[in-house]
């Protein structure tokens, strides 16, 4: 499997783990706490596989950018958290940054 596939799995696992972390209520709820621990373990293992072929700086930029956008969307839909105009502008800039990296960077593997 290629580095970008590993990175994609790492991002999904991290987003699931972070969402479960919110639901764990400070590790007071057992099932979300377990999902958090397992999700982060999978995320970091997959990231370690991704950076074997994808430059670490590029992988981390994509991981954090896509993760922020996905977590914000989940927080808005599931946890009913509001996003103000400045937040929406910031998210748009993050998406633009990830697109620039994916479409124009010569650093991709």
N, C-alpha and C. Protein backbone atom coordinates (compact mmCIF):
# COMPACT_ATOMS: atom_id res chain seq x y z
N UNK A 1 0.86 -1.17 0.00
CA UNK A 1 0.00 0.00 0.00
C UNK A 1 0.90 1.23 0.00
N UNK A 2 0.49 2.28 -0.73
CA UNK A 2 1.29 3.48 -0.84
C UNK A 2 1.20 4.39 0.37
N UNK A 3 2.15 5.31 0.45
CA UNK A 3 2.22 6.22 1.57
C UNK A 3 0.98 7.07 1.75
N UNK A 4 0.40 7.53 0.65
CA UNK A 4 -0.79 8.37 0.77
C UNK A 4 -2.00 7.57 1.25
N UNK A 5 -2.04 6.29 0.91
CA UNK A 5 -3.13 5.43 1.42
C UNK A 5 -2.98 5.26 2.93
N UNK A 6 -1.73 5.00 3.39
CA UNK A 6 -1.49 4.90 4.83
C UNK A 6 -1.85 6.20 5.53
N UNK A 7 -1.49 7.32 4.90
CA UNK A 7 -1.80 8.62 5.48
C UNK A 7 -3.31 8.84 5.59
N UNK A 8 -4.04 8.43 4.58
CA UNK A 8 -5.50 8.57 4.61
C UNK A 8 -6.12 7.76 5.75
N UNK A 9 -5.64 6.54 5.94
CA UNK A 9 -6.14 5.72 7.04
C UNK A 9 -5.78 6.36 8.38
N UNK A 10 -4.57 6.89 8.47
CA UNK A 10 -4.13 7.55 9.71
C UNK A 10 -5.04 8.74 10.03
N UNK A 11 -5.39 9.51 9.02
CA UNK A 11 -6.25 10.68 9.23
C UNK A 11 -7.63 10.23 9.71
N UNK A 12 -8.21 9.25 9.07
CA UNK A 12 -9.54 8.77 9.47
C UNK A 12 -9.51 8.23 10.90
N UNK A 13 -8.48 7.45 11.23
CA UNK A 13 -8.38 6.90 12.58
C UNK A 13 -8.22 8.01 13.61
N UNK A 14 -7.43 9.03 13.27
CA UNK A 14 -7.23 10.14 14.21
C UNK A 14 -8.51 10.93 14.40
N UNK A 15 -9.27 11.14 13.35
CA UNK A 15 -10.53 11.88 13.45
C UNK A 15 -11.54 11.09 14.28
N UNK A 16 -11.60 9.79 14.09
CA UNK A 16 -12.49 8.95 14.91
C UNK A 16 -12.06 9.01 16.37
N UNK A 17 -10.75 8.90 16.61
CA UNK A 17 -10.24 8.93 17.99
C UNK A 17 -10.52 10.27 18.66
N UNK A 18 -10.33 11.36 17.94
CA UNK A 18 -10.57 12.68 18.52
C UNK A 18 -12.05 12.89 18.80
N UNK A 19 -12.91 12.42 17.92
CA UNK A 19 -14.36 12.51 18.15
C UNK A 19 -14.75 11.69 19.38
N UNK A 20 -14.17 10.51 19.50
CA UNK A 20 -14.45 9.67 20.67
C UNK A 20 -13.90 10.30 21.94
N UNK A 21 -12.78 11.01 21.82
CA UNK A 21 -12.21 11.69 22.99
C UNK A 21 -13.20 12.69 23.56
N UNK A 22 -13.88 13.42 22.70
CA UNK A 22 -14.91 14.35 23.16
C UNK A 22 -16.03 13.58 23.86
N UNK A 23 -16.43 12.47 23.26
CA UNK A 23 -17.52 11.67 23.83
C UNK A 23 -17.11 10.94 25.10
N UNK A 24 -15.80 10.76 25.31
CA UNK A 24 -15.34 10.03 26.50
C UNK A 24 -15.56 10.81 27.79
N UNK A 25 -15.79 12.12 27.66
CA UNK A 25 -16.03 12.98 28.83
C UNK A 25 -14.90 12.85 29.85
N UNK A 26 -13.68 13.12 29.36
CA UNK A 26 -12.53 13.05 30.26
C UNK A 26 -12.20 11.63 30.69
N UNK A 27 -12.42 10.67 29.80
CA UNK A 27 -12.20 9.25 30.05
C UNK A 27 -13.11 8.70 31.14
N UNK A 28 -14.29 9.30 31.29
CA UNK A 28 -15.28 8.79 32.25
C UNK A 28 -16.20 7.74 31.61
N UNK A 29 -16.34 7.77 30.28
CA UNK A 29 -17.17 6.81 29.56
C UNK A 29 -16.26 5.76 28.91
N UNK A 30 -16.50 4.51 29.26
CA UNK A 30 -15.58 3.43 28.88
C UNK A 30 -15.46 3.22 27.38
N UNK A 31 -16.56 3.03 26.68
CA UNK A 31 -16.48 2.70 25.25
C UNK A 31 -15.79 3.80 24.45
N UNK A 32 -16.19 5.07 24.59
CA UNK A 32 -15.47 6.11 23.84
C UNK A 32 -13.98 6.20 24.23
N UNK A 33 -13.67 5.90 25.48
CA UNK A 33 -12.27 5.90 25.92
C UNK A 33 -11.47 4.82 25.20
N UNK A 34 -12.06 3.64 25.05
CA UNK A 34 -11.40 2.55 24.34
C UNK A 34 -11.23 2.90 22.86
N UNK A 35 -12.28 3.46 22.26
CA UNK A 35 -12.21 3.88 20.85
C UNK A 35 -11.09 4.93 20.67
N UNK A 36 -10.96 5.84 21.62
CA UNK A 36 -9.91 6.85 21.56
C UNK A 36 -8.53 6.19 21.56
N UNK A 37 -8.28 5.30 22.50
CA UNK A 37 -6.97 4.65 22.61
C UNK A 37 -6.64 3.82 21.37
N UNK A 38 -7.60 3.05 20.92
CA UNK A 38 -7.39 2.21 19.74
C UNK A 38 -7.21 3.08 18.49
N UNK A 39 -8.05 4.10 18.36
CA UNK A 39 -7.97 4.99 17.20
C UNK A 39 -6.65 5.70 17.09
N UNK A 40 -6.15 6.24 18.20
CA UNK A 40 -4.85 6.92 18.16
C UNK A 40 -3.72 5.93 17.90
N UNK A 41 -3.83 4.72 18.44
CA UNK A 41 -2.80 3.71 18.16
C UNK A 41 -2.74 3.38 16.67
N UNK A 42 -3.90 3.17 16.08
CA UNK A 42 -3.96 2.90 14.64
C UNK A 42 -3.43 4.10 13.86
N UNK A 43 -3.84 5.29 14.25
CA UNK A 43 -3.43 6.50 13.54
C UNK A 43 -1.91 6.66 13.53
N UNK A 44 -1.29 6.49 14.69
CA UNK A 44 0.16 6.67 14.75
C UNK A 44 0.91 5.56 14.03
N UNK A 45 0.40 4.34 14.09
CA UNK A 45 1.05 3.25 13.38
C UNK A 45 0.97 3.49 11.87
N UNK A 46 -0.22 3.88 11.40
CA UNK A 46 -0.38 4.15 9.96
C UNK A 46 0.46 5.35 9.53
N UNK A 47 0.56 6.36 10.38
CA UNK A 47 1.41 7.51 10.06
C UNK A 47 2.87 7.06 9.95
N UNK A 48 3.29 6.14 10.82
CA UNK A 48 4.67 5.65 10.75
C UNK A 48 4.93 4.92 9.44
N UNK A 49 3.90 4.27 8.91
CA UNK A 49 4.04 3.61 7.60
C UNK A 49 4.05 4.65 6.47
N UNK A 50 3.22 5.67 6.61
CA UNK A 50 3.13 6.71 5.57
C UNK A 50 4.45 7.44 5.39
N UNK A 51 5.10 7.77 6.49
CA UNK A 51 6.32 8.58 6.38
C UNK A 51 7.54 7.77 5.95
N UNK A 52 7.34 6.51 5.67
CA UNK A 52 8.41 5.73 5.04
C UNK A 52 8.61 6.19 3.61
N UNK A 53 7.54 6.70 2.97
CA UNK A 53 7.65 7.13 1.58
C UNK A 53 7.23 8.58 1.35
N UNK A 54 6.41 9.11 2.22
CA UNK A 54 5.96 10.51 2.11
C UNK A 54 6.84 11.36 3.04
N UNK A 55 7.39 12.47 2.56
CA UNK A 55 8.19 13.32 3.44
C UNK A 55 7.40 13.71 4.70
N UNK A 56 8.06 13.64 5.86
CA UNK A 56 7.37 13.82 7.13
C UNK A 56 6.69 15.19 7.23
N UNK A 57 7.33 16.23 6.77
CA UNK A 57 6.72 17.56 6.83
C UNK A 57 5.46 17.65 5.99
N UNK A 58 5.51 17.06 4.81
CA UNK A 58 4.35 17.04 3.93
C UNK A 58 3.23 16.19 4.54
N UNK A 59 3.59 15.02 5.05
CA UNK A 59 2.59 14.13 5.65
C UNK A 59 1.91 14.82 6.83
N UNK A 60 2.71 15.47 7.67
CA UNK A 60 2.13 16.12 8.85
C UNK A 60 1.25 17.30 8.45
N UNK A 61 1.65 18.04 7.44
CA UNK A 61 0.84 19.17 6.98
C UNK A 61 -0.53 18.69 6.48
N UNK A 62 -0.53 17.61 5.72
CA UNK A 62 -1.79 17.07 5.22
C UNK A 62 -2.61 16.49 6.36
N UNK A 63 -1.95 15.72 7.25
CA UNK A 63 -2.62 15.11 8.40
C UNK A 63 -3.33 16.18 9.22
N UNK A 64 -2.59 17.21 9.60
CA UNK A 64 -3.17 18.22 10.48
C UNK A 64 -4.23 19.05 9.77
N UNK A 65 -3.99 19.42 8.52
CA UNK A 65 -4.96 20.22 7.78
C UNK A 65 -6.27 19.50 7.56
N UNK A 66 -6.19 18.30 7.02
CA UNK A 66 -7.41 17.53 6.76
C UNK A 66 -8.09 17.17 8.08
N UNK A 67 -7.29 16.82 9.08
CA UNK A 67 -7.86 16.48 10.40
C UNK A 67 -8.63 17.64 11.00
N UNK A 68 -8.08 18.85 10.93
CA UNK A 68 -8.77 20.03 11.47
C UNK A 68 -10.11 20.24 10.76
N UNK A 69 -10.10 20.14 9.45
CA UNK A 69 -11.33 20.36 8.69
C UNK A 69 -12.37 19.29 9.05
N UNK A 70 -11.97 18.04 9.09
CA UNK A 70 -12.92 16.96 9.39
C UNK A 70 -13.44 17.04 10.82
N UNK A 71 -12.55 17.31 11.77
CA UNK A 71 -12.99 17.43 13.17
C UNK A 71 -13.95 18.59 13.34
N UNK A 72 -13.68 19.69 12.68
CA UNK A 72 -14.57 20.84 12.77
C UNK A 72 -15.94 20.51 12.19
N UNK A 73 -15.97 19.79 11.08
CA UNK A 73 -17.24 19.39 10.48
C UNK A 73 -18.01 18.45 11.41
N UNK A 74 -17.30 17.50 12.01
CA UNK A 74 -17.95 16.57 12.95
C UNK A 74 -18.45 17.31 14.18
N UNK A 75 -17.66 18.22 14.68
CA UNK A 75 -18.08 19.01 15.85
C UNK A 75 -19.34 19.81 15.53
N UNK A 76 -19.43 20.34 14.32
CA UNK A 76 -20.59 21.12 13.90
C UNK A 76 -21.83 20.23 13.78
N UNK A 77 -21.66 19.06 13.15
CA UNK A 77 -22.81 18.18 12.90
C UNK A 77 -23.21 17.39 14.14
N UNK A 78 -22.28 16.75 14.78
CA UNK A 78 -22.61 15.82 15.87
C UNK A 78 -22.72 16.53 17.22
N UNK A 79 -21.76 17.41 17.51
CA UNK A 79 -21.74 18.06 18.82
C UNK A 79 -22.40 19.44 18.82
N UNK A 80 -22.95 19.83 17.66
CA UNK A 80 -23.69 21.09 17.53
C UNK A 80 -22.87 22.32 17.90
N UNK A 81 -21.58 22.28 17.63
CA UNK A 81 -20.73 23.44 17.90
C UNK A 81 -20.83 24.42 16.74
N UNK A 82 -20.96 25.68 17.09
CA UNK A 82 -21.10 26.73 16.08
C UNK A 82 -19.74 27.09 15.51
N UNK A 83 -19.75 27.50 14.24
CA UNK A 83 -18.53 27.98 13.58
C UNK A 83 -18.82 29.40 13.11
N UNK A 84 -18.05 30.35 13.62
CA UNK A 84 -18.29 31.74 13.23
C UNK A 84 -17.61 32.03 11.89
N UNK A 85 -17.88 33.22 11.30
CA UNK A 85 -17.30 33.55 9.99
C UNK A 85 -15.77 33.47 9.96
N UNK A 86 -15.11 33.91 11.02
CA UNK A 86 -13.64 33.81 11.04
C UNK A 86 -13.20 32.35 10.99
N UNK A 87 -13.91 31.48 11.67
CA UNK A 87 -13.61 30.05 11.63
C UNK A 87 -13.80 29.47 10.25
N UNK A 88 -14.87 29.87 9.58
CA UNK A 88 -15.12 29.39 8.22
C UNK A 88 -14.03 29.85 7.25
N UNK A 89 -13.60 31.10 7.41
CA UNK A 89 -12.51 31.61 6.56
C UNK A 89 -11.23 30.82 6.82
N UNK A 90 -10.93 30.57 8.09
CA UNK A 90 -9.75 29.79 8.43
C UNK A 90 -9.79 28.39 7.85
N UNK A 91 -10.94 27.75 7.92
CA UNK A 91 -11.09 26.41 7.36
C UNK A 91 -10.91 26.44 5.85
N UNK A 92 -11.46 27.46 5.20
CA UNK A 92 -11.28 27.60 3.74
C UNK A 92 -9.80 27.75 3.39
N UNK A 93 -9.07 28.51 4.20
CA UNK A 93 -7.63 28.67 3.95
C UNK A 93 -6.87 27.36 4.17
N UNK A 94 -7.28 26.58 5.16
CA UNK A 94 -6.65 25.28 5.39
C UNK A 94 -6.90 24.37 4.19
N UNK A 95 -8.13 24.33 3.71
CA UNK A 95 -8.45 23.51 2.54
C UNK A 95 -7.63 23.96 1.34
N UNK A 96 -7.52 25.28 1.16
CA UNK A 96 -6.71 25.80 0.05
C UNK A 96 -5.26 25.36 0.19
N UNK A 97 -4.73 25.40 1.40
CA UNK A 97 -3.35 24.99 1.63
C UNK A 97 -3.12 23.53 1.31
N UNK A 98 -4.03 22.67 1.74
CA UNK A 98 -3.90 21.24 1.44
C UNK A 98 -3.99 21.00 -0.06
N UNK A 99 -4.89 21.71 -0.74
CA UNK A 99 -5.00 21.58 -2.20
C UNK A 99 -3.74 22.04 -2.91
N UNK A 100 -3.16 23.13 -2.47
CA UNK A 100 -1.91 23.61 -3.07
C UNK A 100 -0.82 22.55 -2.91
N UNK A 101 -0.71 21.98 -1.72
CA UNK A 101 0.28 20.93 -1.49
C UNK A 101 0.04 19.75 -2.43
N UNK A 102 -1.21 19.29 -2.51
CA UNK A 102 -1.52 18.11 -3.31
C UNK A 102 -1.35 18.37 -4.80
N UNK A 103 -1.75 19.54 -5.26
CA UNK A 103 -1.75 19.79 -6.70
C UNK A 103 -0.43 20.33 -7.24
N UNK A 104 0.31 21.06 -6.43
CA UNK A 104 1.47 21.78 -6.97
C UNK A 104 2.81 21.42 -6.35
N UNK A 105 2.81 20.76 -5.21
CA UNK A 105 4.08 20.48 -4.54
C UNK A 105 4.84 19.38 -5.27
N UNK A 106 6.12 19.57 -5.42
CA UNK A 106 6.99 18.56 -6.02
C UNK A 106 7.51 17.60 -4.96
N UNK A 107 7.12 17.81 -3.70
CA UNK A 107 7.60 16.99 -2.59
C UNK A 107 6.81 15.72 -2.40
N UNK A 108 5.68 15.56 -3.09
CA UNK A 108 4.83 14.39 -2.87
C UNK A 108 5.50 13.12 -3.37
N UNK A 109 5.18 12.04 -2.71
CA UNK A 109 5.78 10.74 -3.09
C UNK A 109 4.86 10.01 -4.05
